[in-house]
């Protein structure tokens, strides 16, 4: 029995030493990551670029099919959409209401079901932010231009007007 107690004590000591060593390594890694600028600093420039393009693609797809939840799915709470013709700044929280009114106007007076398409898309990357400018078109209703940007995979703002 004493042998088993010694073995149990030995295992607890080894387990405690292992946990202590593991915790020290973990803390060291956290300190290094924090020193380098946080978890995001571990992302390569190429990965950030792909995340930004994906955020823009998803955002555009939401507008295309008329789904506000898709439009705002890659946006932080600080996201804003500015509708220039009315100088209206729309928060992420209020975007669905704005979008429903926009789609209703597009479908009013017997026009076909809402569908948006895009033309002449231009991208420009500065640092970890990508900017997009393009034309938006809802056939039979209206068209215009917009500019938006994505940073680290999040669509941070958009601004649009009519032609």
N, C-alpha and C. Protein backbone atom coordinates (compact mmCIF):
# COMPACT_ATOMS: atom_id res chain seq x y z
N UNK A 1 0.83 -1.18 0.00
CA UNK A 1 0.00 0.00 0.00
C UNK A 1 0.88 1.25 0.00
N UNK A 2 1.96 1.23 0.79
CA UNK A 2 2.85 2.38 0.82
C UNK A 2 3.43 2.64 -0.56
N UNK A 3 3.71 1.56 -1.29
CA UNK A 3 4.24 1.68 -2.64
C UNK A 3 3.25 2.39 -3.54
N UNK A 4 1.99 2.03 -3.43
CA UNK A 4 0.95 2.67 -4.25
C UNK A 4 0.79 4.13 -3.87
N UNK A 5 0.89 4.46 -2.57
CA UNK A 5 0.79 5.85 -2.14
C UNK A 5 1.94 6.67 -2.70
N UNK A 6 3.16 6.08 -2.69
CA UNK A 6 4.32 6.77 -3.25
C UNK A 6 4.14 7.01 -4.75
N UNK A 7 3.62 6.01 -5.44
CA UNK A 7 3.38 6.12 -6.88
C UNK A 7 2.35 7.21 -7.16
N UNK A 8 1.28 7.24 -6.36
CA UNK A 8 0.24 8.25 -6.52
C UNK A 8 0.80 9.65 -6.27
N UNK A 9 1.61 9.76 -5.23
CA UNK A 9 2.24 11.04 -4.90
C UNK A 9 3.18 11.47 -6.03
N UNK A 10 3.92 10.50 -6.58
CA UNK A 10 4.84 10.78 -7.68
C UNK A 10 4.08 11.29 -8.91
N UNK A 11 2.95 10.64 -9.20
CA UNK A 11 2.13 11.06 -10.36
C UNK A 11 1.57 12.47 -10.16
N UNK A 12 1.09 12.76 -8.94
CA UNK A 12 0.57 14.10 -8.67
C UNK A 12 1.66 15.14 -8.84
N UNK A 13 2.86 14.84 -8.36
CA UNK A 13 3.99 15.77 -8.49
C UNK A 13 4.32 15.98 -9.95
N UNK A 14 4.39 14.87 -10.72
CA UNK A 14 4.68 14.98 -12.15
C UNK A 14 3.57 15.75 -12.87
N UNK A 15 2.33 15.45 -12.51
CA UNK A 15 1.20 16.12 -13.13
C UNK A 15 1.24 17.62 -12.83
N UNK A 16 1.56 17.99 -11.59
CA UNK A 16 1.66 19.39 -11.21
C UNK A 16 2.82 20.06 -11.95
N UNK A 17 3.94 19.38 -12.07
CA UNK A 17 5.08 19.93 -12.80
C UNK A 17 4.73 20.12 -14.28
N UNK A 18 4.03 19.14 -14.84
CA UNK A 18 3.62 19.23 -16.24
C UNK A 18 2.67 20.42 -16.45
N UNK A 19 1.67 20.56 -15.55
CA UNK A 19 0.73 21.66 -15.66
C UNK A 19 1.43 23.00 -15.52
N UNK A 20 2.37 23.09 -14.59
CA UNK A 20 3.11 24.32 -14.37
C UNK A 20 3.92 24.68 -15.61
N UNK A 21 4.61 23.69 -16.17
CA UNK A 21 5.42 23.92 -17.36
C UNK A 21 4.54 24.33 -18.54
N UNK A 22 3.42 23.64 -18.71
CA UNK A 22 2.49 23.95 -19.79
C UNK A 22 1.94 25.36 -19.63
N UNK A 23 1.60 25.74 -18.41
CA UNK A 23 1.07 27.08 -18.16
C UNK A 23 2.13 28.14 -18.46
N UNK A 24 3.38 27.88 -18.10
CA UNK A 24 4.45 28.83 -18.39
C UNK A 24 4.62 29.02 -19.90
N UNK A 25 4.56 27.95 -20.65
CA UNK A 25 4.69 28.03 -22.11
C UNK A 25 3.51 28.81 -22.69
N UNK A 26 2.32 28.52 -22.20
CA UNK A 26 1.12 29.21 -22.66
C UNK A 26 1.21 30.70 -22.38
N UNK A 27 1.59 31.07 -21.17
CA UNK A 27 1.73 32.48 -20.82
C UNK A 27 2.80 33.17 -21.67
N UNK A 28 3.90 32.47 -21.91
CA UNK A 28 4.95 33.02 -22.77
C UNK A 28 4.40 33.32 -24.17
N UNK A 29 3.64 32.38 -24.72
CA UNK A 29 3.05 32.57 -26.06
C UNK A 29 2.09 33.76 -26.07
N UNK A 30 1.27 33.88 -25.02
CA UNK A 30 0.36 35.02 -24.94
C UNK A 30 1.11 36.34 -24.89
N UNK A 31 2.19 36.38 -24.13
CA UNK A 31 2.99 37.60 -24.03
C UNK A 31 3.60 37.95 -25.39
N UNK A 32 4.11 36.95 -26.10
CA UNK A 32 4.69 37.19 -27.43
C UNK A 32 3.62 37.70 -28.39
N UNK A 33 2.46 37.07 -28.40
CA UNK A 33 1.37 37.48 -29.30
C UNK A 33 0.94 38.91 -28.95
N UNK A 34 0.77 39.21 -27.67
CA UNK A 34 0.37 40.55 -27.25
C UNK A 34 1.42 41.59 -27.66
N UNK A 35 2.68 41.25 -27.49
CA UNK A 35 3.77 42.16 -27.83
C UNK A 35 3.79 42.46 -29.33
N UNK A 36 3.45 41.47 -30.14
CA UNK A 36 3.46 41.64 -31.59
C UNK A 36 2.20 42.32 -32.12
N UNK A 37 1.25 42.61 -31.26
CA UNK A 37 0.07 43.33 -31.71
C UNK A 37 -1.22 42.55 -31.59
N UNK A 38 -1.25 41.50 -30.84
CA UNK A 38 -2.48 40.75 -30.63
C UNK A 38 -2.61 39.58 -31.58
N UNK A 39 -3.71 38.86 -31.44
CA UNK A 39 -3.96 37.66 -32.24
C UNK A 39 -3.99 38.01 -33.72
N UNK A 40 -4.58 39.16 -34.07
CA UNK A 40 -4.65 39.57 -35.48
C UNK A 40 -3.28 39.71 -36.11
N UNK A 41 -2.26 40.01 -35.30
CA UNK A 41 -0.91 40.17 -35.84
C UNK A 41 -0.38 38.86 -36.41
N UNK A 42 -0.98 37.75 -35.98
CA UNK A 42 -0.54 36.44 -36.47
C UNK A 42 -1.04 36.17 -37.89
N UNK A 43 -2.00 36.97 -38.37
CA UNK A 43 -2.52 36.79 -39.72
C UNK A 43 -1.53 37.36 -40.73
N UNK A 44 -1.33 36.63 -41.79
CA UNK A 44 -0.45 37.12 -42.84
C UNK A 44 -1.17 38.19 -43.66
N UNK A 45 -0.41 38.98 -44.36
CA UNK A 45 -0.98 40.01 -45.22
C UNK A 45 -1.88 39.38 -46.28
N UNK A 46 -1.45 38.22 -46.79
CA UNK A 46 -2.24 37.52 -47.80
C UNK A 46 -3.58 37.04 -47.23
N UNK A 47 -3.57 36.50 -46.01
CA UNK A 47 -4.80 36.03 -45.39
C UNK A 47 -5.75 37.20 -45.13
N UNK A 48 -5.23 38.30 -44.63
CA UNK A 48 -6.07 39.48 -44.39
C UNK A 48 -6.69 39.95 -45.70
N UNK A 49 -5.92 39.94 -46.78
CA UNK A 49 -6.45 40.32 -48.09
C UNK A 49 -7.60 39.43 -48.51
N UNK A 50 -7.44 38.12 -48.32
CA UNK A 50 -8.51 37.17 -48.68
C UNK A 50 -9.74 37.36 -47.80
N UNK A 51 -9.53 37.63 -46.50
CA UNK A 51 -10.65 37.88 -45.59
C UNK A 51 -11.43 39.13 -46.03
N UNK A 52 -10.70 40.16 -46.43
CA UNK A 52 -11.34 41.40 -46.87
C UNK A 52 -12.14 41.21 -48.15
N UNK A 53 -11.56 40.52 -49.12
CA UNK A 53 -12.27 40.27 -50.38
C UNK A 53 -13.52 39.42 -50.11
N UNK A 54 -13.41 38.44 -49.23
CA UNK A 54 -14.57 37.60 -48.89
C UNK A 54 -15.67 38.44 -48.24
N UNK A 55 -15.29 39.36 -47.35
CA UNK A 55 -16.29 40.22 -46.71
C UNK A 55 -17.01 41.09 -47.74
N UNK A 56 -16.26 41.63 -48.70
CA UNK A 56 -16.87 42.43 -49.77
C UNK A 56 -17.80 41.58 -50.63
N UNK A 57 -17.37 40.36 -50.96
CA UNK A 57 -18.19 39.47 -51.78
C UNK A 57 -19.51 39.12 -51.09
N UNK A 58 -19.44 38.79 -49.81
CA UNK A 58 -20.64 38.44 -49.05
C UNK A 58 -21.57 39.65 -48.96
N UNK A 59 -21.01 40.80 -48.69
CA UNK A 59 -21.78 42.04 -48.59
C UNK A 59 -22.53 42.30 -49.91
N UNK A 60 -21.80 42.22 -51.00
CA UNK A 60 -22.40 42.45 -52.32
C UNK A 60 -23.49 41.42 -52.60
N UNK A 61 -23.26 40.17 -52.23
CA UNK A 61 -24.26 39.12 -52.46
C UNK A 61 -25.55 39.41 -51.68
N UNK A 62 -25.41 39.93 -50.46
CA UNK A 62 -26.59 40.30 -49.68
C UNK A 62 -27.43 41.36 -50.38
N UNK A 63 -26.75 42.37 -50.93
CA UNK A 63 -27.46 43.39 -51.70
C UNK A 63 -28.10 42.78 -52.94
N UNK A 64 -27.38 41.90 -53.61
CA UNK A 64 -27.88 41.31 -54.86
C UNK A 64 -29.19 40.55 -54.65
N UNK A 65 -29.27 39.78 -53.59
CA UNK A 65 -30.46 38.94 -53.36
C UNK A 65 -31.48 39.61 -52.45
N UNK A 66 -31.13 40.75 -51.86
CA UNK A 66 -32.07 41.48 -51.02
C UNK A 66 -32.20 40.95 -49.61
N UNK A 67 -31.11 40.50 -49.02
CA UNK A 67 -31.15 39.94 -47.67
C UNK A 67 -30.27 40.78 -46.72
N UNK A 68 -30.92 41.56 -45.87
CA UNK A 68 -30.19 42.45 -44.96
C UNK A 68 -29.31 41.69 -43.98
N UNK A 69 -29.71 40.49 -43.59
CA UNK A 69 -28.89 39.72 -42.64
C UNK A 69 -27.56 39.30 -43.28
N UNK A 70 -27.57 39.04 -44.58
CA UNK A 70 -26.32 38.73 -45.28
C UNK A 70 -25.48 40.00 -45.42
N UNK A 71 -26.13 41.11 -45.75
CA UNK A 71 -25.42 42.38 -45.93
C UNK A 71 -24.62 42.71 -44.68
N UNK A 72 -25.20 42.56 -43.51
CA UNK A 72 -24.53 42.96 -42.27
C UNK A 72 -23.80 41.82 -41.56
N UNK A 73 -23.76 40.64 -42.16
CA UNK A 73 -23.17 39.49 -41.47
C UNK A 73 -21.67 39.61 -41.21
N UNK A 74 -20.95 40.37 -42.00
CA UNK A 74 -19.51 40.55 -41.80
C UNK A 74 -19.19 41.98 -41.40
N UNK A 75 -20.05 42.56 -40.57
CA UNK A 75 -19.87 43.95 -40.15
C UNK A 75 -19.83 44.06 -38.64
N UNK A 76 -18.96 44.92 -38.13
CA UNK A 76 -18.95 45.16 -36.68
C UNK A 76 -20.17 46.01 -36.31
N UNK A 77 -20.46 46.12 -35.02
CA UNK A 77 -21.59 46.93 -34.57
C UNK A 77 -21.44 48.39 -34.96
N UNK A 78 -20.22 48.84 -35.19
CA UNK A 78 -19.96 50.24 -35.56
C UNK A 78 -20.21 50.53 -37.04
N UNK A 79 -20.59 49.52 -37.82
CA UNK A 79 -20.83 49.69 -39.25
C UNK A 79 -21.88 50.77 -39.50
N UNK A 80 -21.66 51.57 -40.55
CA UNK A 80 -22.67 52.53 -41.00
C UNK A 80 -22.80 52.47 -42.52
N UNK A 81 -24.01 52.70 -42.97
CA UNK A 81 -24.31 52.83 -44.39
C UNK A 81 -24.84 54.25 -44.58
N UNK A 82 -24.27 54.98 -45.53
CA UNK A 82 -24.74 56.34 -45.81
C UNK A 82 -25.44 56.37 -47.15
N UNK A 83 -26.73 56.74 -47.13
CA UNK A 83 -27.51 56.91 -48.35
C UNK A 83 -27.43 58.39 -48.70
N UNK A 84 -26.54 58.71 -49.64
CA UNK A 84 -26.18 60.08 -49.95
C UNK A 84 -27.36 60.93 -50.43
N UNK A 85 -28.28 60.43 -51.29
CA UNK A 85 -29.36 61.30 -51.78
C UNK A 85 -30.17 61.97 -50.66
N UNK A 86 -30.30 61.31 -49.54
CA UNK A 86 -31.06 61.87 -48.42
C UNK A 86 -30.15 62.22 -47.24
N UNK A 87 -28.84 62.12 -47.46
CA UNK A 87 -27.86 62.36 -46.39
C UNK A 87 -28.23 61.58 -45.13
N UNK A 88 -28.61 60.32 -45.33
CA UNK A 88 -29.08 59.45 -44.25
C UNK A 88 -27.98 58.48 -43.84
N UNK A 89 -27.56 58.55 -42.59
CA UNK A 89 -26.57 57.61 -42.06
C UNK A 89 -27.33 56.54 -41.30
N UNK A 90 -27.17 55.28 -41.74
CA UNK A 90 -27.92 54.16 -41.19
C UNK A 90 -26.97 53.26 -40.40
N UNK A 91 -27.31 52.99 -39.16
CA UNK A 91 -26.50 52.10 -38.32
C UNK A 91 -26.76 50.65 -38.69
N UNK A 92 -25.92 49.77 -38.22
CA UNK A 92 -26.11 48.34 -38.45
C UNK A 92 -27.46 47.91 -37.88
N UNK A 93 -27.79 48.43 -36.72
CA UNK A 93 -29.05 48.08 -36.05
C UNK A 93 -30.27 48.47 -36.87
N UNK A 94 -30.19 49.60 -37.57
CA UNK A 94 -31.33 50.11 -38.34
C UNK A 94 -31.29 49.74 -39.82
N UNK A 95 -30.27 49.00 -40.23
CA UNK A 95 -30.10 48.74 -41.65
C UNK A 95 -31.25 47.92 -42.25
N UNK A 96 -31.72 46.89 -41.56
CA UNK A 96 -32.78 46.03 -42.11
C UNK A 96 -34.02 46.85 -42.46
N UNK A 97 -34.40 47.79 -41.60
CA UNK A 97 -35.56 48.64 -41.87
C UNK A 97 -35.33 49.50 -43.12
N UNK A 98 -34.16 50.12 -43.21
CA UNK A 98 -33.83 50.91 -44.40
C UNK A 98 -33.90 50.04 -45.66
N UNK A 99 -33.30 48.86 -45.58
CA UNK A 99 -33.21 47.98 -46.75
C UNK A 99 -34.59 47.51 -47.20
N UNK A 100 -35.48 47.20 -46.25
CA UNK A 100 -36.84 46.79 -46.60
C UNK A 100 -37.55 47.90 -47.38
N UNK A 101 -37.38 49.15 -46.95
CA UNK A 101 -37.99 50.28 -47.66
C UNK A 101 -37.40 50.46 -49.05
N UNK A 102 -36.08 50.28 -49.15
CA UNK A 102 -35.41 50.40 -50.45
C UNK A 102 -35.94 49.34 -51.42
N UNK A 103 -36.05 48.10 -50.95
CA UNK A 103 -36.56 47.01 -51.82
C UNK A 103 -38.02 47.25 -52.19
N UNK A 104 -38.81 47.73 -51.24
CA UNK A 104 -40.23 48.00 -51.53
C UNK A 104 -40.36 49.06 -52.61
N UNK A 105 -39.55 50.10 -52.55
CA UNK A 105 -39.58 51.15 -53.57
C UNK A 105 -39.16 50.58 -54.93
N UNK A 106 -38.19 49.69 -54.92
CA UNK A 106 -37.71 49.08 -56.17
C UNK A 106 -38.78 48.20 -56.83
N UNK A 107 -39.66 47.60 -55.99
CA UNK A 107 -40.69 46.70 -56.51
C UNK A 107 -42.05 47.39 -56.69
N UNK A 108 -42.13 48.67 -56.32
CA UNK A 108 -43.41 49.39 -56.40
C UNK A 108 -43.85 49.58 -57.85
N UNK A 109 -45.12 49.87 -58.00
CA UNK A 109 -45.70 50.19 -59.30
C UNK A 109 -45.52 49.07 -60.32
N UNK A 110 -45.62 47.84 -59.85
CA UNK A 110 -45.59 46.69 -60.74
C UNK A 110 -44.23 46.30 -61.29
N UNK A 111 -43.17 46.87 -60.74
CA UNK A 111 -41.83 46.50 -61.21
C UNK A 111 -41.52 45.07 -60.77
N UNK A 112 -40.57 44.41 -61.46
CA UNK A 112 -40.24 43.02 -61.11
C UNK A 112 -39.64 42.90 -59.71
N UNK A 113 -39.58 41.66 -59.23
CA UNK A 113 -39.00 41.36 -57.91
C UNK A 113 -37.58 41.93 -57.84
N UNK A 114 -37.25 42.46 -56.68
CA UNK A 114 -35.95 43.09 -56.44
C UNK A 114 -34.79 42.16 -56.78
N UNK A 115 -33.84 42.69 -57.49
CA UNK A 115 -32.59 42.00 -57.79
C UNK A 115 -31.57 43.07 -58.16
N UNK A 116 -30.42 43.06 -57.51
CA UNK A 116 -29.39 44.06 -57.80
C UNK A 116 -28.21 43.38 -58.47
N UNK A 117 -27.61 44.10 -59.40
CA UNK A 117 -26.37 43.63 -60.02
C UNK A 117 -25.33 44.74 -59.94
N UNK A 118 -24.10 44.39 -60.24
CA UNK A 118 -22.98 45.32 -60.06
C UNK A 118 -22.13 45.34 -61.31
N UNK A 119 -21.54 46.49 -61.57
CA UNK A 119 -20.70 46.65 -62.75
C UNK A 119 -19.49 47.51 -62.39
N UNK A 120 -18.43 47.32 -63.14
CA UNK A 120 -17.22 48.15 -63.02
C UNK A 120 -16.65 48.20 -61.59
N UNK A 121 -16.46 47.06 -60.99
CA UNK A 121 -15.96 46.98 -59.61
C UNK A 121 -14.45 47.26 -59.61
N UNK A 122 -14.05 48.17 -58.74
CA UNK A 122 -12.65 48.54 -58.60
C UNK A 122 -12.24 48.33 -57.14
N UNK A 123 -11.10 47.69 -56.93
CA UNK A 123 -10.56 47.49 -55.57
C UNK A 123 -9.24 48.22 -55.43
N UNK A 124 -9.02 48.74 -54.26
CA UNK A 124 -7.74 49.38 -53.92
C UNK A 124 -7.43 49.01 -52.47
N UNK A 125 -6.23 48.46 -52.24
CA UNK A 125 -5.83 48.08 -50.89
C UNK A 125 -4.80 49.07 -50.36
N UNK A 126 -5.05 49.54 -49.15
CA UNK A 126 -4.11 50.40 -48.44
C UNK A 126 -3.95 49.82 -47.05
N UNK A 127 -2.76 49.35 -46.75
CA UNK A 127 -2.53 48.70 -45.45
C UNK A 127 -3.36 47.45 -45.34
N UNK A 128 -4.12 47.31 -44.25
CA UNK A 128 -4.96 46.13 -44.06
C UNK A 128 -6.42 46.41 -44.39
N UNK A 129 -6.66 47.45 -45.18
CA UNK A 129 -8.02 47.83 -45.57
C UNK A 129 -8.13 47.80 -47.09
N UNK A 130 -9.24 47.23 -47.58
CA UNK A 130 -9.51 47.23 -49.02
C UNK A 130 -10.73 48.10 -49.27
N UNK A 131 -10.64 48.92 -50.30
CA UNK A 131 -11.73 49.82 -50.68
C UNK A 131 -12.33 49.32 -51.99
N UNK A 132 -13.65 49.41 -52.10
CA UNK A 132 -14.34 48.99 -53.31
C UNK A 132 -15.21 50.13 -53.79
N UNK A 133 -15.14 50.39 -55.08
CA UNK A 133 -16.03 51.36 -55.73
C UNK A 133 -16.63 50.66 -56.94
N UNK A 134 -17.93 50.89 -57.18
CA UNK A 134 -18.59 50.22 -58.30
C UNK A 134 -19.94 50.87 -58.58
N UNK A 135 -20.58 50.37 -59.62
CA UNK A 135 -21.94 50.76 -59.95
C UNK A 135 -22.90 49.70 -59.42
N UNK A 136 -24.02 50.14 -58.87
CA UNK A 136 -25.09 49.21 -58.52
C UNK A 136 -26.26 49.48 -59.47
N UNK A 137 -26.95 48.42 -59.83
CA UNK A 137 -28.03 48.54 -60.82
C UNK A 137 -29.20 47.66 -60.39
N UNK A 138 -30.38 48.27 -60.29
CA UNK A 138 -31.63 47.52 -60.12
C UNK A 138 -32.42 47.82 -61.39
N UNK A 139 -32.40 46.87 -62.32
CA UNK A 139 -33.04 47.07 -63.63
C UNK A 139 -34.50 47.50 -63.47
N UNK A 140 -34.89 48.51 -64.24
CA UNK A 140 -36.26 49.01 -64.21
C UNK A 140 -36.55 49.97 -63.07
N UNK A 141 -35.56 50.18 -62.17
CA UNK A 141 -35.81 51.06 -61.03
C UNK A 141 -34.79 52.21 -60.97
N UNK A 142 -33.54 51.89 -60.67
CA UNK A 142 -32.55 52.94 -60.47
C UNK A 142 -31.16 52.32 -60.56
N UNK A 143 -30.19 53.20 -60.58
CA UNK A 143 -28.79 52.78 -60.59
C UNK A 143 -27.98 53.87 -59.92
N UNK A 144 -26.77 53.52 -59.51
CA UNK A 144 -25.93 54.52 -58.87
C UNK A 144 -24.53 53.97 -58.65
N UNK A 145 -23.81 54.64 -57.80
CA UNK A 145 -22.46 54.21 -57.48
C UNK A 145 -22.33 54.10 -55.96
N UNK A 146 -21.34 53.33 -55.54
CA UNK A 146 -21.10 53.18 -54.11
C UNK A 146 -19.60 53.03 -53.87
N UNK A 147 -19.25 53.23 -52.63
CA UNK A 147 -17.88 52.99 -52.17
C UNK A 147 -17.98 52.42 -50.76
N UNK A 148 -17.21 51.38 -50.50
CA UNK A 148 -17.20 50.80 -49.17
C UNK A 148 -15.80 50.29 -48.85
N UNK A 149 -15.63 49.76 -47.65
CA UNK A 149 -14.32 49.22 -47.30
C UNK A 149 -14.45 48.09 -46.30
N UNK A 150 -13.47 47.19 -46.36
CA UNK A 150 -13.37 46.08 -45.43
C UNK A 150 -11.99 46.11 -44.78
N UNK A 151 -11.98 45.85 -43.50
CA UNK A 151 -10.73 45.83 -42.74
C UNK A 151 -10.71 44.58 -41.89
N UNK A 152 -9.68 43.77 -42.10
CA UNK A 152 -9.50 42.52 -41.34
C UNK A 152 -10.75 41.64 -41.38
N UNK A 153 -11.35 41.56 -42.58
CA UNK A 153 -12.48 40.66 -42.79
C UNK A 153 -13.83 41.21 -42.36
N UNK A 154 -13.89 42.48 -42.02
CA UNK A 154 -15.15 43.11 -41.60
C UNK A 154 -15.46 44.29 -42.51
N UNK A 155 -16.71 44.37 -42.97
CA UNK A 155 -17.16 45.49 -43.79
C UNK A 155 -17.43 46.64 -42.84
N UNK A 156 -16.63 47.70 -42.90
CA UNK A 156 -16.71 48.72 -41.86
C UNK A 156 -17.60 49.92 -42.22
N UNK A 157 -17.77 50.23 -43.49
CA UNK A 157 -18.70 51.29 -43.90
C UNK A 157 -19.04 51.18 -45.37
N UNK A 158 -20.12 51.82 -45.74
CA UNK A 158 -20.56 51.86 -47.14
C UNK A 158 -21.26 53.20 -47.36
N UNK A 159 -21.12 53.68 -48.57
CA UNK A 159 -21.74 54.95 -48.96
C UNK A 159 -22.23 54.78 -50.39
N UNK A 160 -23.50 55.14 -50.64
CA UNK A 160 -24.05 54.94 -51.98
C UNK A 160 -24.90 56.13 -52.39
N UNK A 161 -25.01 56.31 -53.69
CA UNK A 161 -25.86 57.36 -54.24
C UNK A 161 -26.49 56.86 -55.54
N UNK A 162 -27.41 57.65 -56.07
CA UNK A 162 -28.03 57.30 -57.36
C UNK A 162 -27.40 58.14 -58.46
N UNK A 163 -27.55 57.68 -59.68
CA UNK A 163 -26.96 58.40 -60.83
C UNK A 163 -27.81 59.57 -61.25
